[in-house]
Amino acid sequence: MLSGDITWGNNNDNVINSFFFPFHVELFWNLDNAAGFNEVTRITPGLGYYFNPEWSLEFSTSYHKRRFAEADNFETNDIVFRLRVYYDIF
């Protein structure tokens, strides 16, 4: 998995009233000849906002592209919308 975020606005040490752009890329493939075939690619870009060092809000859209057999083309896909609210307790 490749994951991270880019902060826009204030500097990275002072995350008050600033936007951030989270991204995640996940690749799954079969390592052996299992009965279930799960070859999936997930790409998730997003947009977030830091209200203060404890509270943040994130909206992301995840695109899942997969196939069910090795001979199949990548034709099945899912689009997932996600809204998250974070509170940092430590």
Foldseek 3Di string as FASTA:
>chain_A
DDWDKAWADDDPVWQAFTKMKIKDWDFDADPDPDPWGWTKIKIKIWMKHHNGPFKIKIKIKIKIWTDTDPPDDRDDIDIDIDIDIGGDPD
